[in-house]
Protein backbone atom coordinates (compact mmCIF):
# COMPACT_ATOMS: atom_id res chain seq x y z
CA MET A 1 -32.35 -4.61 31.90
CA LYS A 2 -33.45 -5.74 28.46
CA CYS A 3 -31.39 -6.20 25.33
CA ARG A 4 -31.47 -3.17 23.05
CA ARG A 5 -31.72 -5.35 19.92
CA CYS A 6 -34.12 -8.16 20.83
CA LYS A 7 -35.61 -7.14 24.22
CA ALA A 8 -34.51 -10.39 25.88
CA PRO A 9 -32.94 -10.22 29.36
CA ALA A 10 -29.55 -8.51 29.09
CA VAL A 11 -26.31 -9.99 30.38
CA ILE A 12 -24.00 -7.00 29.85
CA GLU A 13 -24.34 -3.23 29.98
CA VAL A 14 -22.20 -1.04 27.72
CA ARG A 15 -22.40 2.37 29.34
CA ARG A 16 -20.63 4.29 26.60
CA HIS A 17 -23.40 3.25 24.20
CA ASN A 18 -26.12 3.60 26.85
CA ALA A 19 -27.13 0.07 25.89
CA ALA A 20 -27.42 -3.46 27.23
CA TYR A 21 -27.35 -6.75 25.33
CA CYS A 22 -28.19 -10.40 25.71
CA LYS A 23 -25.43 -12.93 25.01
CA GLY A 24 -26.25 -13.53 21.36
CA CYS A 25 -26.71 -9.87 20.49
CA PHE A 26 -23.55 -8.79 22.31
CA LEU A 27 -21.45 -11.33 20.40
CA HIS A 28 -23.07 -10.11 17.18
CA VAL A 29 -22.32 -6.46 18.00
CA PHE A 30 -18.73 -7.29 19.03
CA ARG A 31 -18.01 -9.12 15.78
CA GLY A 32 -19.67 -6.28 13.90
CA GLN A 33 -17.28 -3.76 15.43
CA VAL A 34 -14.30 -5.89 14.36
CA GLU A 35 -15.71 -6.20 10.84
CA ARG A 36 -16.32 -2.45 10.72
CA ALA A 37 -12.71 -1.72 11.69
CA ILE A 38 -11.37 -4.17 9.10
CA ARG A 39 -13.58 -2.72 6.37
CA GLN A 40 -13.09 0.97 7.23
CA TRP A 41 -9.32 0.75 7.38
CA ARG A 42 -8.90 -1.95 4.71
CA MET A 43 -6.97 -4.07 7.14
CA LEU A 44 -7.43 -7.53 5.66
CA ASP A 45 -8.37 -9.20 2.39
CA THR A 46 -10.04 -12.60 2.34
CA ASP A 47 -7.02 -14.20 0.66
CA ASP A 48 -4.46 -12.72 3.08
CA ARG A 49 -2.31 -15.00 5.19
CA VAL A 50 -2.83 -13.54 8.65
CA LEU A 51 -0.54 -13.93 11.67
CA VAL A 52 -2.21 -13.09 15.00
CA ALA A 53 0.15 -12.21 17.84
CA VAL A 54 -1.28 -14.09 20.84
CA SER A 55 -0.15 -13.85 24.45
CA GLY A 56 -2.73 -15.98 26.25
CA GLY A 57 -4.64 -12.87 27.34
CA LYS A 58 -8.28 -12.03 26.63
CA ASP A 59 -7.68 -9.50 23.84
CA SER A 60 -5.49 -11.54 21.53
CA LEU A 61 -7.45 -14.78 22.00
CA ALA A 62 -10.80 -13.02 21.53
CA LEU A 63 -9.48 -11.46 18.34
CA TRP A 64 -8.14 -14.75 17.01
CA ASP A 65 -11.51 -16.33 17.78
CA VAL A 66 -13.39 -13.63 15.82
CA LEU A 67 -11.05 -13.82 12.81
CA LEU A 68 -11.40 -17.59 12.63
CA ASP A 69 -15.19 -17.29 12.83
CA LEU A 70 -15.13 -14.71 10.05
CA GLY A 71 -13.26 -17.15 7.82
CA TYR A 72 -9.83 -15.54 7.68
CA ARG A 73 -6.75 -17.71 7.24
CA ALA A 74 -5.44 -16.74 10.64
CA ASP A 75 -2.55 -18.52 12.35
CA GLY A 76 -1.35 -17.64 15.85
CA LEU A 77 2.13 -16.56 16.92
CA TYR A 78 3.19 -17.05 20.53
CA LEU A 79 6.46 -15.59 21.82
CA GLY A 80 7.86 -17.23 24.96
CA LEU A 81 9.33 -14.46 27.10
CA GLY A 82 10.74 -16.62 29.90
CA ILE A 83 8.81 -14.91 32.72
CA GLY A 84 8.60 -17.94 35.01
CA GLU A 85 5.19 -19.43 35.82
CA TYR A 86 3.43 -16.55 34.07
CA SER A 87 4.92 -17.50 30.70
CA GLY A 88 4.29 -21.17 31.38
CA ARG A 89 0.60 -20.55 32.02
CA SER A 90 0.34 -18.23 28.99
CA ALA A 91 1.83 -20.87 26.68
CA GLU A 92 -0.46 -23.56 28.07
CA VAL A 93 -3.59 -21.48 27.53
CA THR A 94 -2.58 -20.44 24.01
CA ARG A 95 -1.80 -24.01 22.96
CA GLY A 96 -5.14 -25.15 24.36
CA PHE A 97 -7.00 -22.51 22.38
CA ALA A 98 -5.27 -23.53 19.14
CA ARG A 99 -5.82 -27.22 19.81
CA ASP A 100 -9.55 -26.78 20.54
CA ARG A 101 -10.05 -24.92 17.27
CA ASP A 102 -7.67 -26.98 15.15
CA ALA A 103 -5.77 -23.77 14.41
CA ARG A 104 -2.06 -23.47 13.62
CA LEU A 105 0.16 -21.94 16.29
CA VAL A 106 3.71 -20.76 15.56
CA GLU A 107 5.92 -20.63 18.65
CA VAL A 108 9.17 -18.74 19.18
CA ASP A 109 11.19 -18.95 22.38
CA LEU A 110 13.12 -15.72 22.99
CA SER A 111 15.85 -17.32 25.08
CA ALA A 112 16.40 -20.28 22.75
CA GLU A 113 16.44 -18.15 19.60
CA TYR A 114 18.16 -14.99 20.80
CA GLY A 115 20.03 -15.89 23.97
CA PHE A 116 18.11 -13.89 26.59
CA ASP A 117 14.75 -13.76 28.32
CA ILE A 118 12.90 -10.68 29.50
CA PRO A 119 13.88 -10.86 33.21
CA THR A 120 17.54 -11.06 32.16
CA ALA A 121 17.09 -8.15 29.77
CA GLY A 122 15.60 -6.04 32.55
CA ARG A 123 18.62 -6.66 34.76
CA ARG A 124 21.32 -6.12 32.15
CA GLY A 125 19.83 -3.67 29.66
CA SER A 126 19.85 0.12 29.65
CA ARG A 127 16.07 0.49 29.65
CA SER A 128 13.04 -0.84 31.48
CA THR A 129 11.87 -4.43 31.22
CA CYS A 130 8.70 -3.32 29.40
CA ALA A 131 10.71 -1.37 26.82
CA VAL A 132 12.90 -4.37 25.98
CA CYS A 133 9.85 -6.63 25.93
CA GLY A 134 8.03 -4.38 23.48
CA LEU A 135 11.06 -4.09 21.23
CA SER A 136 11.54 -7.88 21.24
CA LYS A 137 7.91 -8.51 20.35
CA ARG A 138 7.96 -6.09 17.44
CA TYR A 139 11.15 -7.59 16.08
CA VAL A 140 10.03 -11.21 16.39
CA PHE A 141 6.52 -10.54 15.06
CA ASN A 142 7.92 -8.95 11.92
CA LYS A 143 10.62 -11.57 11.40
CA ALA A 144 8.22 -14.48 11.94
CA ALA A 145 5.77 -12.97 9.46
CA LEU A 146 8.49 -12.49 6.84
CA ASP A 147 9.92 -15.96 7.37
CA GLY A 148 6.47 -17.56 7.21
CA GLY A 149 5.25 -15.67 4.17
CA TYR A 150 2.42 -13.87 5.97
CA ASP A 151 0.78 -10.78 4.52
CA VAL A 152 -0.21 -9.05 7.75
CA VAL A 153 0.44 -9.16 11.49
CA VAL A 154 -2.59 -8.63 13.71
CA THR A 155 -2.33 -7.47 17.33
CA GLY A 156 -4.96 -7.27 20.07
CA HIS A 157 -4.56 -3.62 21.07
CA ASN A 158 -7.96 -2.42 22.29
CA LEU A 159 -9.55 1.00 22.77
CA ASP A 160 -8.15 1.34 26.30
CA ASP A 161 -4.62 0.65 25.06
CA GLU A 162 -4.87 3.13 22.23
CA ALA A 163 -6.47 5.90 24.31
CA ALA A 164 -3.82 5.53 27.04
CA THR A 165 -0.98 5.64 24.49
CA LEU A 166 -2.46 8.72 22.84
CA LEU A 167 -2.85 10.41 26.22
CA GLY A 168 0.78 9.74 27.14
CA ASN A 169 2.10 10.95 23.80
CA THR A 170 -0.08 14.07 23.99
CA LEU A 171 1.00 14.95 27.54
CA ARG A 172 4.62 14.81 26.38
CA TRP A 173 3.82 16.32 22.96
CA GLN A 174 5.62 13.52 21.17
CA THR A 175 4.35 14.62 17.79
CA GLU A 176 6.10 11.92 15.75
CA SER A 177 4.62 9.23 17.99
CA ILE A 178 1.18 10.82 17.69
CA ALA A 179 1.48 10.96 13.89
CA ARG A 180 2.13 7.26 13.53
CA GLN A 181 -0.56 6.03 15.97
CA SER A 182 -2.84 4.40 13.45
CA PRO A 183 -4.92 1.20 13.35
CA VAL A 184 -2.88 0.27 10.28
CA LEU A 185 0.85 0.48 9.64
CA PRO A 186 1.35 -0.31 5.94
CA SER A 187 4.00 -2.67 4.66
CA ARG A 188 7.18 -1.29 3.21
CA ASP A 189 10.83 -2.26 2.69
CA GLY A 190 10.91 -5.44 4.77
CA LEU A 191 8.25 -4.38 7.28
CA VAL A 192 5.08 -6.46 7.22
CA LYS A 193 1.72 -4.69 7.42
CA LYS A 194 0.41 -4.44 11.00
CA VAL A 195 -3.21 -3.90 12.02
CA LYS A 196 -5.31 -3.48 15.19
CA PRO A 197 -8.90 -4.64 14.58
CA LEU A 198 -9.94 -4.21 18.26
CA HIS A 199 -9.26 -0.48 18.41
CA ARG A 200 -13.00 0.29 18.58
CA LEU A 201 -13.65 -2.09 21.50
CA SER A 202 -12.90 -1.55 25.17
CA GLU A 203 -11.05 -3.85 27.54
CA LEU A 204 -14.32 -4.58 29.35
CA GLU A 205 -15.98 -5.57 26.09
CA THR A 206 -13.18 -7.95 25.07
CA ALA A 207 -13.27 -9.53 28.54
CA ALA A 208 -17.04 -9.98 28.23
CA TYR A 209 -16.66 -11.53 24.78
CA ALA A 210 -14.04 -14.00 26.02
CA PHE A 211 -16.21 -14.94 29.02
CA LEU A 212 -19.37 -15.40 26.96
CA ARG A 213 -17.48 -17.47 24.39
CA GLY A 214 -15.99 -19.67 27.10
CA ILE A 215 -12.42 -18.75 26.20
CA ASP A 216 -9.88 -19.70 28.85
CA TYR A 217 -7.36 -16.88 29.19
CA VAL A 218 -4.69 -15.62 31.58
CA VAL A 219 -6.32 -13.16 33.98
CA GLU A 220 -3.21 -12.20 35.91
CA GLU A 221 -1.11 -9.26 34.78
CA CYS A 222 2.53 -9.74 33.93
CA PRO A 223 4.49 -9.75 37.22
CA LEU A 224 7.07 -7.38 35.71
CA VAL A 225 4.58 -4.66 34.78
CA ALA A 226 4.55 -2.84 38.14
CA GLY A 227 5.33 0.86 37.70
CA ASN A 228 4.66 0.84 33.96
CA THR A 229 3.76 4.36 32.86
CA GLN A 230 1.07 3.04 30.51
CA LEU A 231 -0.89 1.72 33.49
CA ARG A 232 -0.99 5.18 35.05
CA TYR A 233 -2.40 6.62 31.85
CA LYS A 234 -4.99 3.84 31.78
CA ASP A 235 -5.97 4.63 35.37
CA ALA A 236 -6.39 8.30 34.46
CA MET A 237 -8.58 7.44 31.49
CA ASN A 238 -10.63 5.02 33.59
CA ALA A 239 -11.27 7.73 36.19
CA ILE A 240 -12.63 10.06 33.52
CA GLU A 241 -14.61 7.28 31.83
CA SER A 242 -16.31 6.35 35.12
CA THR A 243 -18.00 9.75 35.31
CA SER A 244 -18.20 10.47 31.56
CA PRO A 245 -18.88 7.21 29.69
CA GLY A 246 -17.64 7.33 26.11
CA THR A 247 -14.66 9.59 26.80
CA LYS A 248 -12.10 7.02 25.61
CA ALA A 249 -13.92 6.48 22.34
CA GLN A 250 -14.42 10.20 21.76
CA PHE A 251 -10.74 10.86 22.49
CA PHE A 252 -9.16 8.16 20.34
CA LEU A 253 -11.72 7.77 17.56
CA GLY A 254 -11.99 11.56 17.36
CA TYR A 255 -8.23 11.71 16.94
CA LEU A 256 -8.40 9.22 14.07
CA ASP A 257 -11.18 11.18 12.40
CA ARG A 258 -10.00 14.75 12.94
CA GLY A 259 -6.61 14.87 14.64
CA MET A 260 -4.41 12.45 12.71
CA PRO A 261 -4.28 14.50 9.48
CA LEU A 262 -2.92 17.45 11.46
CA PHE A 263 0.16 15.51 12.54
CA THR A 264 1.19 13.83 9.28
CA THR A 265 4.42 15.19 7.88
CA GLY A 266 4.68 13.68 4.40
CA ARG A 267 8.26 12.76 5.26
CA GLU A 268 9.63 9.35 4.39
CA VAL A 269 13.11 8.09 5.17
CA GLU A 270 15.23 5.49 3.50
CA LEU A 271 15.37 2.08 5.14
CA VAL A 272 18.40 -0.17 4.92
CA ALA A 273 19.13 -3.72 6.00
CA CYS A 274 20.64 -4.16 9.45
CA GLU A 275 24.25 -5.24 8.98
CA ARG A 276 23.82 -7.97 11.57
CA CYS A 277 20.38 -9.53 11.01
CA GLY A 278 19.12 -8.07 7.73
CA GLN A 279 15.90 -6.59 9.10
CA SER A 280 14.89 -3.09 8.01
CA THR A 281 16.24 -0.17 10.01
CA THR A 282 17.43 3.42 9.60
CA GLY A 283 21.04 2.90 10.68
CA ARG A 284 23.81 0.33 10.52
CA PHE A 285 22.25 -1.88 13.18
CA CYS A 286 18.60 -2.27 14.18
CA ALA A 287 17.44 -1.44 17.70
CA PHE A 288 16.94 -5.11 18.56
CA CYS A 289 20.47 -6.10 17.60
CA ARG A 290 21.85 -3.16 19.60
CA ALA A 291 19.82 -4.19 22.64
CA GLN A 292 20.71 -7.86 22.27
CA ALA A 293 24.41 -7.04 22.10
CA GLN A 294 24.16 -4.84 25.18
CA ILE A 295 22.23 -7.48 27.17
CA LEU A 296 24.63 -10.29 26.22
CA GLY A 297 27.74 -8.12 26.54
CA ARG A 298 28.76 -8.70 22.95
CA GLN A 299 30.25 -6.47 20.31
CA LEU A 300 28.30 -5.76 17.12
CA ALA A 301 31.12 -7.00 14.88
CA THR A 302 30.83 -6.72 11.10
CA GLY A 303 34.43 -7.19 10.13
CA ASP A 304 35.04 -3.49 9.63
CA GLY A 305 37.66 -3.29 12.36
CA PRO A 306 37.70 0.20 13.90
CA ASN A 307 34.15 0.83 12.75
CA ASP A 308 32.70 -2.04 14.78
CA VAL A 309 30.30 -0.94 17.50
CA ALA A 310 30.84 -1.90 21.11
CA PRO A 311 27.50 -2.09 22.96
CA SER A 312 28.81 -0.28 26.03
CA ASP A 313 29.57 2.77 23.87
CA ASP A 314 26.31 2.72 21.90
CA ARG A 315 24.11 5.44 23.40
CA GLN A 316 21.47 4.97 20.71
CA VAL A 317 20.27 1.80 22.45
CA ALA A 318 18.47 3.72 25.16
CA ASP A 319 16.84 6.14 22.73
CA GLU A 320 15.57 3.45 20.41
CA LEU A 321 14.29 1.23 23.22
CA SER A 322 12.23 4.10 24.57
CA ASP A 323 10.34 4.35 21.27
CA GLU A 324 6.75 3.19 21.74
CA VAL A 325 6.11 1.49 18.40
CA LEU A 326 9.06 1.45 16.00
CA PRO A 327 11.82 3.92 15.13
CA ALA A 328 9.82 7.11 14.74
CA GLU A 329 10.95 8.00 11.26
CA ILE A 330 9.83 4.69 9.75
CA TYR A 331 6.12 5.26 10.31
CA ALA A 332 5.97 9.04 10.38
CA THR A 333 3.38 8.99 7.58
CA ARG A 334 0.44 6.82 6.63
CA GLY A 335 0.65 4.87 3.44
CA ALA A 336 -2.02 4.98 0.76
CA ASP A 337 -3.64 1.79 2.05
CA ALA A 338 -3.58 2.74 5.74
CA GLY A 339 -6.88 4.56 6.14
CA PRO A 340 -10.41 4.99 4.92
């Protein structure tokens, strides 16, 4: 095979584009796709302070690498989840990446800061380990960005992630979840802007980028992920993609272009400060504080006496933990700066 752009020997084939590329041209095309996403969705400005959520995996490290190369003021944020050797290896790889590039890495340890790790949460909580993990990440990412004065949080969700999420939400007709699945969630009322610059690039392409750039990353999957519904949706999409290359892109990018406007509601709810931690929520206590209280066996005390909430009686914990992104009503609509 020869490179589509320069006709040199190719090192990677991208079937969905019916194209192959040499190393230099593939890296150029990859960065171009990230730049296109940033420009089309107005994700970042050159003077933004950017916080990249990094896990030690290929997607987040590849994205951080691209943003640094493009000249953005991008710091990393690593959240220690306490998942044994897996978390230890992830932290080691992430620190090495930051050290090699003289980049700033912010670290938060879930157990030290909030009193529980993810294995403990899975044993004591009302929902799956993955649900508690996702909730914890969203909470910490937003809080760290607010505390550090960052303008935007960047995550490494790729095309495979987004297509699988859209498939799952569509199969269950979760219309509010579908409506808020956007590459950009605008800032509002204590919620920092969140963006996904890799949404045009597949998992295979990010893995190829990391390999060609010599990025050391954690290859192993999280040991707690077995049985995760998202993986089944990914497998289903992969099966279709294997016989019809480009299906994932047509499905998700087509949704962004033609489907998303059909699901927007124009509804916006009032956000208030959580009575326990001060982060934005739609009720007295945010979902994270409810979950934390349930995991630690504590009461959400505010000094109101009979109105205090005991975690064992709080049935909203399970509902809010099952939410894929954030409480549905918060991001039911796209803000003015969220799209092209």
